[in-house]
Amino acid sequence: MNEIQDLTLNEVTNYINDHTEELQSYAENHTEEELEAKMYKDLSKVVFDKMKEMVAQLPEAETNLVFGLTKEDGDWKITSIQEKQ
């Protein structure tokens, strides 16, 4: 496992351990899909905050990137990112 996978597994485990009763109560009154959505919402903030901390600690580097864009329904979407050779 890499550092991100370890971090994610640890955060999921901590979340479940710290919120077991809350999740059980929520599950009694909501569908499985709603419970899953709640867990993803709760965990995404924790995991992404940790990832932001990790990125902030990386040394600065310069690189040239080429972004592939596609216009969908009036909005531009990134379809690819490649390092410029």
PDB file of N, CA and C in Angstrom:
ATOM      1  N   MET A   1       0.832  -1.185   0.000  1.00  0.00           N
ATOM      2  CA  MET A   1       0.000   0.000   0.000  1.00  0.00           C
ATOM      3  C   MET A   1       0.874   1.244   0.000  1.00  0.00           C
ATOM      4  N   ASN A   2       0.388   2.279  -0.670  1.00  0.00           N
ATOM      5  CA  ASN A   2       1.133   3.531  -0.633  1.00  0.00           C
ATOM      6  C   ASN A   2       0.598   4.427   0.483  1.00  0.00           C
ATOM      7  N   GLU A   3       1.222   5.570   0.665  1.00  0.00           N
ATOM      8  CA  GLU A   3       0.880   6.461   1.773  1.00  0.00           C
ATOM      9  C   GLU A   3      -0.571   6.938   1.712  1.00  0.00           C
ATOM     10  N   ILE A   4      -1.068   7.224   0.528  1.00  0.00           N
ATOM     11  CA  ILE A   4      -2.456   7.684   0.387  1.00  0.00           C
ATOM     12  C   ILE A   4      -3.420   6.559   0.765  1.00  0.00           C
ATOM     13  N   GLN A   5      -3.139   5.347   0.333  1.00  0.00           N
ATOM     14  CA  GLN A   5      -3.999   4.218   0.679  1.00  0.00           C
ATOM     15  C   GLN A   5      -3.992   3.976   2.183  1.00  0.00           C
ATOM     16  N   ASP A   6      -2.811   4.043   2.796  1.00  0.00           N
ATOM     17  CA  ASP A   6      -2.711   3.886   4.253  1.00  0.00           C
ATOM     18  C   ASP A   6      -3.521   4.963   4.961  1.00  0.00           C
ATOM     19  N   LEU A   7      -3.356   6.198   4.518  1.00  0.00           N
ATOM     20  CA  LEU A   7      -4.080   7.321   5.109  1.00  0.00           C
ATOM     21  C   LEU A   7      -5.582   7.112   4.997  1.00  0.00           C
ATOM     22  N   THR A   8      -6.029   6.734   3.815  1.00  0.00           N
ATOM     23  CA  THR A   8      -7.454   6.537   3.581  1.00  0.00           C
ATOM     24  C   THR A   8      -7.998   5.416   4.454  1.00  0.00           C
ATOM     25  N   LEU A   9      -7.306   4.302   4.510  1.00  0.00           N
ATOM     26  CA  LEU A   9      -7.747   3.177   5.328  1.00  0.00           C
ATOM     27  C   LEU A   9      -7.814   3.575   6.800  1.00  0.00           C
ATOM     28  N   ASN A  10      -6.805   4.283   7.272  1.00  0.00           N
ATOM     29  CA  ASN A  10      -6.804   4.733   8.663  1.00  0.00           C
ATOM     30  C   ASN A  10      -7.953   5.688   8.949  1.00  0.00           C
ATOM     31  N   GLU A  11      -8.204   6.615   8.040  1.00  0.00           N
ATOM     32  CA  GLU A  11      -9.283   7.585   8.247  1.00  0.00           C
ATOM     33  C   GLU A  11     -10.654   6.895   8.234  1.00  0.00           C
ATOM     34  N   VAL A  12     -10.846   5.950   7.340  1.00  0.00           N
ATOM     35  CA  VAL A  12     -12.118   5.206   7.286  1.00  0.00           C
ATOM     36  C   VAL A  12     -12.313   4.424   8.579  1.00  0.00           C
ATOM     37  N   THR A  13     -11.263   3.743   9.019  1.00  0.00           N
ATOM     38  CA  THR A  13     -11.342   2.961  10.255  1.00  0.00           C
ATOM     39  C   THR A  13     -11.650   3.863  11.444  1.00  0.00           C
ATOM     40  N   ASN A  14     -10.936   4.984  11.560  1.00  0.00           N
ATOM     41  CA  ASN A  14     -11.182   5.922  12.662  1.00  0.00           C
ATOM     42  C   ASN A  14     -12.599   6.474  12.617  1.00  0.00           C
ATOM     43  N   TYR A  15     -13.056   6.818  11.427  1.00  0.00           N
ATOM     44  CA  TYR A  15     -14.415   7.362  11.266  1.00  0.00           C
ATOM     45  C   TYR A  15     -15.452   6.342  11.743  1.00  0.00           C
ATOM     46  N   ILE A  16     -15.327   5.109  11.295  1.00  0.00           N
ATOM     47  CA  ILE A  16     -16.296   4.076  11.679  1.00  0.00           C
ATOM     48  C   ILE A  16     -16.241   3.838  13.188  1.00  0.00           C
ATOM     49  N   ASN A  17     -15.041   3.746  13.743  1.00  0.00           N
ATOM     50  CA  ASN A  17     -14.908   3.532  15.189  1.00  0.00           C
ATOM     51  C   ASN A  17     -15.481   4.693  15.995  1.00  0.00           C
ATOM     52  N   ASP A  18     -15.224   5.911  15.543  1.00  0.00           N
ATOM     53  CA  ASP A  18     -15.668   7.102  16.277  1.00  0.00           C
ATOM     54  C   ASP A  18     -17.152   7.412  16.111  1.00  0.00           C
ATOM     55  N   HIS A  19     -17.771   6.868  15.058  1.00  0.00           N
ATOM     56  CA  HIS A  19     -19.163   7.216  14.752  1.00  0.00           C
ATOM     57  C   HIS A  19     -20.088   6.005  14.659  1.00  0.00           C
ATOM     58  N   THR A  20     -19.708   4.902  15.261  1.00  0.00           N
ATOM     59  CA  THR A  20     -20.482   3.663  15.140  1.00  0.00           C
ATOM     60  C   THR A  20     -21.937   3.851  15.560  1.00  0.00           C
ATOM     61  N   GLU A  21     -22.160   4.403  16.729  1.00  0.00           N
ATOM     62  CA  GLU A  21     -23.533   4.575  17.212  1.00  0.00           C
ATOM     63  C   GLU A  21     -24.325   5.518  16.318  1.00  0.00           C
ATOM     64  N   GLU A  22     -23.695   6.609  15.926  1.00  0.00           N
ATOM     65  CA  GLU A  22     -24.363   7.576  15.043  1.00  0.00           C
ATOM     66  C   GLU A  22     -24.746   6.917  13.719  1.00  0.00           C
ATOM     67  N   LEU A  23     -23.834   6.129  13.149  1.00  0.00           N
ATOM     68  CA  LEU A  23     -24.102   5.462  11.877  1.00  0.00           C
ATOM     69  C   LEU A  23     -25.197   4.414  12.014  1.00  0.00           C
ATOM     70  N   GLN A  24     -25.199   3.678  13.122  1.00  0.00           N
ATOM     71  CA  GLN A  24     -26.250   2.676  13.349  1.00  0.00           C
ATOM     72  C   GLN A  24     -27.608   3.353  13.458  1.00  0.00           C
ATOM     73  N   SER A  25     -27.669   4.453  14.178  1.00  0.00           N
ATOM     74  CA  SER A  25     -28.921   5.197  14.328  1.00  0.00           C
ATOM     75  C   SER A  25     -29.381   5.743  12.976  1.00  0.00           C
ATOM     76  N   TYR A  26     -28.457   6.286  12.222  1.00  0.00           N
ATOM     77  CA  TYR A  26     -28.783   6.831  10.898  1.00  0.00           C
ATOM     78  C   TYR A  26     -29.296   5.717   9.987  1.00  0.00           C
ATOM     79  N   ALA A  27     -28.647   4.555  10.055  1.00  0.00           N
ATOM     80  CA  ALA A  27     -29.025   3.424   9.194  1.00  0.00           C
ATOM     81  C   ALA A  27     -30.432   2.925   9.492  1.00  0.00           C
ATOM     82  N   GLU A  28     -30.867   3.053  10.742  1.00  0.00           N
ATOM     83  CA  GLU A  28     -32.211   2.594  11.110  1.00  0.00           C
ATOM     84  C   GLU A  28     -33.302   3.433  10.458  1.00  0.00           C
ATOM     85  N   ASN A  29     -33.000   4.668  10.125  1.00  0.00           N
ATOM     86  CA  ASN A  29     -34.013   5.583   9.604  1.00  0.00           C
ATOM     87  C   ASN A  29     -33.786   6.008   8.163  1.00  0.00           C
ATOM     88  N   HIS A  30     -32.791   5.412   7.503  1.00  0.00           N
ATOM     89  CA  HIS A  30     -32.460   5.794   6.136  1.00  0.00           C
ATOM     90  C   HIS A  30     -32.143   4.557   5.309  1.00  0.00           C
ATOM     91  N   THR A  31     -32.167   4.755   4.011  1.00  0.00           N
ATOM     92  CA  THR A  31     -31.835   3.648   3.105  1.00  0.00           C
ATOM     93  C   THR A  31     -30.325   3.400   3.113  1.00  0.00           C
ATOM     94  N   GLU A  32     -29.943   2.274   2.584  1.00  0.00           N
ATOM     95  CA  GLU A  32     -28.522   1.940   2.483  1.00  0.00           C
ATOM     96  C   GLU A  32     -27.792   2.967   1.612  1.00  0.00           C
ATOM     97  N   GLU A  33     -28.469   3.408   0.539  1.00  0.00           N
ATOM     98  CA  GLU A  33     -27.867   4.399  -0.348  1.00  0.00           C
ATOM     99  C   GLU A  33     -27.652   5.732   0.377  1.00  0.00           C
ATOM    100  N   GLU A  34     -28.605   6.124   1.219  1.00  0.00           N
ATOM    101  CA  GLU A  34     -28.465   7.368   1.983  1.00  0.00           C
ATOM    102  C   GLU A  34     -27.335   7.256   3.006  1.00  0.00           C
ATOM    103  N   LEU A  35     -27.218   6.107   3.645  1.00  0.00           N
ATOM    104  CA  LEU A  35     -26.137   5.880   4.599  1.00  0.00           C
ATOM    105  C   LEU A  35     -24.791   5.953   3.885  1.00  0.00           C
ATOM    106  N   GLU A  36     -24.702   5.312   2.748  1.00  0.00           N
ATOM    107  CA  GLU A  36     -23.461   5.327   1.975  1.00  0.00           C
ATOM    108  C   GLU A  36     -23.107   6.758   1.562  1.00  0.00           C
ATOM    109  N   ALA A  37     -24.092   7.524   1.111  1.00  0.00           N
ATOM    110  CA  ALA A  37     -23.854   8.915   0.711  1.00  0.00           C
ATOM    111  C   ALA A  37     -23.368   9.745   1.896  1.00  0.00           C
ATOM    112  N   LYS A  38     -23.956   9.533   3.066  1.00  0.00           N
ATOM    113  CA  LYS A  38     -23.532  10.257   4.272  1.00  0.00           C
ATOM    114  C   LYS A  38     -22.081   9.937   4.598  1.00  0.00           C
ATOM    115  N   MET A  39     -21.736   8.664   4.535  1.00  0.00           N
ATOM    116  CA  MET A  39     -20.372   8.257   4.865  1.00  0.00           C
ATOM    117  C   MET A  39     -19.375   8.856   3.872  1.00  0.00           C
ATOM    118  N   TYR A  40     -19.695   8.821   2.577  1.00  0.00           N
ATOM    119  CA  TYR A  40     -18.815   9.414   1.573  1.00  0.00           C
ATOM    120  C   TYR A  40     -18.649  10.912   1.814  1.00  0.00           C
ATOM    121  N   LYS A  41     -19.735  11.580   2.121  1.00  0.00           N
ATOM    122  CA  LYS A  41     -19.684  13.022   2.372  1.00  0.00           C
ATOM    123  C   LYS A  41     -18.802  13.311   3.588  1.00  0.00           C
ATOM    124  N   ASP A  42     -19.038  12.596   4.673  1.00  0.00           N
ATOM    125  CA  ASP A  42     -18.260  12.812   5.896  1.00  0.00           C
ATOM    126  C   ASP A  42     -16.775  12.515   5.680  1.00  0.00           C
ATOM    127  N   LEU A  43     -16.497  11.404   5.021  1.00  0.00           N
ATOM    128  CA  LEU A  43     -15.112  10.979   4.834  1.00  0.00           C
ATOM    129  C   LEU A  43     -14.368  11.816   3.795  1.00  0.00           C
ATOM    130  N   SER A  44     -15.064  12.303   2.785  1.00  0.00           N
ATOM    131  CA  SER A  44     -14.374  13.043   1.731  1.00  0.00           C
ATOM    132  C   SER A  44     -13.690  14.284   2.286  1.00  0.00           C
ATOM    133  N   LYS A  45     -14.339  14.996   3.190  1.00  0.00           N
ATOM    134  CA  LYS A  45     -13.718  16.189   3.764  1.00  0.00           C
ATOM    135  C   LYS A  45     -12.452  15.819   4.537  1.00  0.00           C
ATOM    136  N   VAL A  46     -12.525  14.781   5.345  1.00  0.00           N
ATOM    137  CA  VAL A  46     -11.365  14.365   6.139  1.00  0.00           C
ATOM    138  C   VAL A  46     -10.213  13.950   5.233  1.00  0.00           C
ATOM    139  N   VAL A  47     -10.500  13.100   4.274  1.00  0.00           N
ATOM    140  CA  VAL A  47      -9.450  12.579   3.399  1.00  0.00           C
ATOM    141  C   VAL A  47      -8.859  13.698   2.543  1.00  0.00           C
ATOM    142  N   PHE A  48      -9.705  14.554   1.965  1.00  0.00           N
ATOM    143  CA  PHE A  48      -9.184  15.620   1.112  1.00  0.00           C
ATOM    144  C   PHE A  48      -8.415  16.664   1.919  1.00  0.00           C
ATOM    145  N   ASP A  49      -8.828  16.934   3.145  1.00  0.00           N
ATOM    146  CA  ASP A  49      -8.059  17.845   3.997  1.00  0.00           C
ATOM    147  C   ASP A  49      -6.670  17.282   4.264  1.00  0.00           C
ATOM    148  N   LYS A  50      -6.582  15.983   4.537  1.00  0.00           N
ATOM    149  CA  LYS A  50      -5.276  15.342   4.770  1.00  0.00           C
ATOM    150  C   LYS A  50      -4.417  15.390   3.503  1.00  0.00           C
ATOM    151  N   MET A  51      -5.050  15.155   2.357  1.00  0.00           N
ATOM    152  CA  MET A  51      -4.313  15.188   1.097  1.00  0.00           C
ATOM    153  C   MET A  51      -3.791  16.601   0.820  1.00  0.00           C
ATOM    154  N   LYS A  52      -4.592  17.628   1.131  1.00  0.00           N
ATOM    155  CA  LYS A  52      -4.138  19.014   0.950  1.00  0.00           C
ATOM    156  C   LYS A  52      -2.919  19.286   1.828  1.00  0.00           C
ATOM    157  N   GLU A  53      -2.945  18.775   3.060  1.00  0.00           N
ATOM    158  CA  GLU A  53      -1.790  18.940   3.953  1.00  0.00           C
ATOM    159  C   GLU A  53      -0.553  18.288   3.344  1.00  0.00           C
ATOM    160  N   MET A  54      -0.718  17.095   2.790  1.00  0.00           N
ATOM    161  CA  MET A  54       0.411  16.378   2.201  1.00  0.00           C
ATOM    162  C   MET A  54       0.967  17.141   0.991  1.00  0.00           C
ATOM    163  N   VAL A  55       0.082  17.655   0.158  1.00  0.00           N
ATOM    164  CA  VAL A  55       0.525  18.398  -1.022  1.00  0.00           C
ATOM    165  C   VAL A  55       1.240  19.676  -0.600  1.00  0.00           C
ATOM    166  N   ALA A  56       0.731  20.342   0.428  1.00  0.00           N
ATOM    167  CA  ALA A  56       1.358  21.582   0.907  1.00  0.00           C
ATOM    168  C   ALA A  56       2.781  21.345   1.402  1.00  0.00           C
ATOM    169  N   GLN A  57       3.084  20.139   1.833  1.00  0.00           N
ATOM    170  CA  GLN A  57       4.414  19.816   2.346  1.00  0.00           C
ATOM    171  C   GLN A  57       5.399  19.422   1.242  1.00  0.00           C
ATOM    172  N   LEU A  58       4.907  19.218   0.042  1.00  0.00           N
ATOM    173  CA  LEU A  58       5.784  18.837  -1.068  1.00  0.00           C
ATOM    174  C   LEU A  58       6.660  20.018  -1.471  1.00  0.00           C
ATOM    175  N   PRO A  59       7.874  19.739  -1.927  1.00  0.00           N
ATOM    176  CA  PRO A  59       8.711  20.835  -2.406  1.00  0.00           C
ATOM    177  C   PRO A  59       8.115  21.428  -3.682  1.00  0.00           C
ATOM    178  N   GLU A  60       8.359  22.721  -3.863  1.00  0.00           N
ATOM    179  CA  GLU A  60       7.853  23.363  -5.074  1.00  0.00           C
ATOM    180  C   GLU A  60       8.582  22.810  -6.286  1.00  0.00           C
ATOM    181  N   ALA A  61       7.857  22.709  -7.378  1.00  0.00           N
ATOM    182  CA  ALA A  61       8.445  22.223  -8.619  1.00  0.00           C
ATOM    183  C   ALA A  61       7.726  22.908  -9.781  1.00  0.00           C
ATOM    184  N   GLU A  62       8.445  23.101 -10.840  1.00  0.00           N
ATOM    185  CA  GLU A  62       7.843  23.666 -12.040  1.00  0.00           C
ATOM    186  C   GLU A  62       7.715  22.574 -13.080  1.00  0.00           C
ATOM    187  N   THR A  63       6.612  22.608 -13.774  1.00  0.00           N
ATOM    188  CA  THR A  63       6.400  21.660 -14.855  1.00  0.00           C
ATOM    189  C   THR A  63       5.482  22.313 -15.879  1.00  0.00           C
ATOM    190  N   ASN A  64       5.583  21.864 -17.074  1.00  0.00           N
ATOM    191  CA  ASN A  64       4.687  22.339 -18.134  1.00  0.00           C
ATOM    192  C   ASN A  64       3.683  21.249 -18.423  1.00  0.00           C
ATOM    193  N   LEU A  65       2.425  21.584 -18.304  1.00  0.00           N
ATOM    194  CA  LEU A  65       1.365  20.611 -18.528  1.00  0.00           C
ATOM    195  C   LEU A  65       0.502  21.038 -19.707  1.00  0.00           C
ATOM    196  N   VAL A  66      -0.026  20.056 -20.386  1.00  0.00           N
ATOM    197  CA  VAL A  66      -0.955  20.280 -21.482  1.00  0.00           C
ATOM    198  C   VAL A  66      -2.295  19.680 -21.050  1.00  0.00           C
ATOM    199  N   PHE A  67      -3.314  20.523 -21.013  1.00  0.00           N
ATOM    200  CA  PHE A  67      -4.645  20.082 -20.617  1.00  0.00           C
ATOM    201  C   PHE A  67      -5.490  19.866 -21.863  1.00  0.00           C
ATOM    202  N   GLY A  68      -6.130  18.709 -21.935  1.00  0.00           N
ATOM    203  CA  GLY A  68      -7.108  18.449 -22.981  1.00  0.00           C
ATOM    204  C   GLY A  68      -8.479  18.882 -22.472  1.00  0.00           C
ATOM    205  N   LEU A  69      -9.188  19.674 -23.252  1.00  0.00           N
ATOM    206  CA  LEU A  69     -10.493  20.198 -22.839  1.00  0.00           C
ATOM    207  C   LEU A  69     -11.566  19.813 -23.837  1.00  0.00           C
ATOM    208  N   THR A  70     -12.767  19.582 -23.317  1.00  0.00           N
ATOM    209  CA  THR A  70     -13.931  19.303 -24.145  1.00  0.00           C
ATOM    210  C   THR A  70     -15.090  20.127 -23.605  1.00  0.00           C
ATOM    211  N   LYS A  71     -15.836  20.748 -24.497  1.00  0.00           N
ATOM    212  CA  LYS A  71     -16.990  21.540 -24.070  1.00  0.00           C
ATOM    213  C   LYS A  71     -18.217  20.629 -24.033  1.00  0.00           C
ATOM    214  N   GLU A  72     -18.826  20.543 -22.830  1.00  0.00           N
ATOM    215  CA  GLU A  72     -20.015  19.710 -22.641  1.00  0.00           C
ATOM    216  C   GLU A  72     -21.113  20.552 -22.017  1.00  0.00           C
ATOM    217  N   ASP A  73     -22.229  20.650 -22.680  1.00  0.00           N
ATOM    218  CA  ASP A  73     -23.372  21.399 -22.161  1.00  0.00           C
ATOM    219  C   ASP A  73     -22.980  22.813 -21.740  1.00  0.00           C
ATOM    220  N   GLY A  74     -22.136  23.457 -22.518  1.00  0.00           N
ATOM    221  CA  GLY A  74     -21.747  24.831 -22.236  1.00  0.00           C
ATOM    222  C   GLY A  74     -20.618  24.980 -21.232  1.00  0.00           C
ATOM    223  N   ASP A  75     -20.159  23.886 -20.615  1.00  0.00           N
ATOM    224  CA  ASP A  75     -19.069  23.934 -19.644  1.00  0.00           C
ATOM    225  C   ASP A  75     -17.846  23.214 -20.203  1.00  0.00           C
ATOM    226  N   TRP A  76     -16.674  23.745 -19.873  1.00  0.00           N
ATOM    227  CA  TRP A  76     -15.435  23.094 -20.282  1.00  0.00           C
ATOM    228  C   TRP A  76     -15.034  22.051 -19.249  1.00  0.00           C
ATOM    229  N   LYS A  77     -14.726  20.850 -19.714  1.00  0.00           N
ATOM    230  CA  LYS A  77     -14.312  19.736 -18.855  1.00  0.00           C
ATOM    231  C   LYS A  77     -12.890  19.327 -19.229  1.00  0.00           C
ATOM    232  N   ILE A  78     -12.076  19.070 -18.210  1.00  0.00           N
ATOM    233  CA  ILE A  78     -10.725  18.567 -18.456  1.00  0.00           C
ATOM    234  C   ILE A  78     -10.835  17.083 -18.786  1.00  0.00           C
ATOM    235  N   THR A  79     -10.326  16.716 -19.947  1.00  0.00           N
ATOM    236  CA  THR A  79     -10.406  15.322 -20.364  1.00  0.00           C
ATOM    237  C   THR A  79      -9.064  14.591 -20.267  1.00  0.00           C
ATOM    238  N   SER A  80      -7.984  15.371 -20.192  1.00  0.00           N
ATOM    239  CA  SER A  80      -6.666  14.745 -20.034  1.00  0.00           C
ATOM    240  C   SER A  80      -5.675  15.790 -19.531  1.00  0.00           C
ATOM    241  N   ILE A  81      -4.632  15.302 -18.869  1.00  0.00           N
ATOM    242  CA  ILE A  81      -3.522  16.138 -18.436  1.00  0.00           C
ATOM    243  C   ILE A  81      -2.249  15.370 -18.731  1.00  0.00           C
ATOM    244  N   GLN A  82      -1.371  16.017 -19.493  1.00  0.00           N
ATOM    245  CA  GLN A  82      -0.108  15.362 -19.846  1.00  0.00           C
ATOM    246  C   GLN A  82       1.044  16.343 -19.614  1.00  0.00           C
ATOM    247  N   GLU A  83       2.187  15.811 -19.236  1.00  0.00           N
ATOM    248  CA  GLU A  83       3.363  16.642 -19.074  1.00  0.00           C
ATOM    249  C   GLU A  83       3.913  16.953 -20.475  1.00  0.00           C
ATOM    250  N   LYS A  84       4.172  18.235 -20.712  1.00  0.00           N
ATOM    251  CA  LYS A  84       4.686  18.666 -22.004  1.00  0.00           C
ATOM    252  C   LYS A  84       6.111  18.161 -22.158  1.00  0.00           C
ATOM    253  N   GLN A  85       6.389  17.495 -23.241  1.00  0.00           N
ATOM    254  CA  GLN A  85       7.710  16.909 -23.499  1.00  0.00           C
ATOM    255  C   GLN A  85       8.670  17.943 -24.033  1.00  0.00           C
TER     256      GLN A  85
END
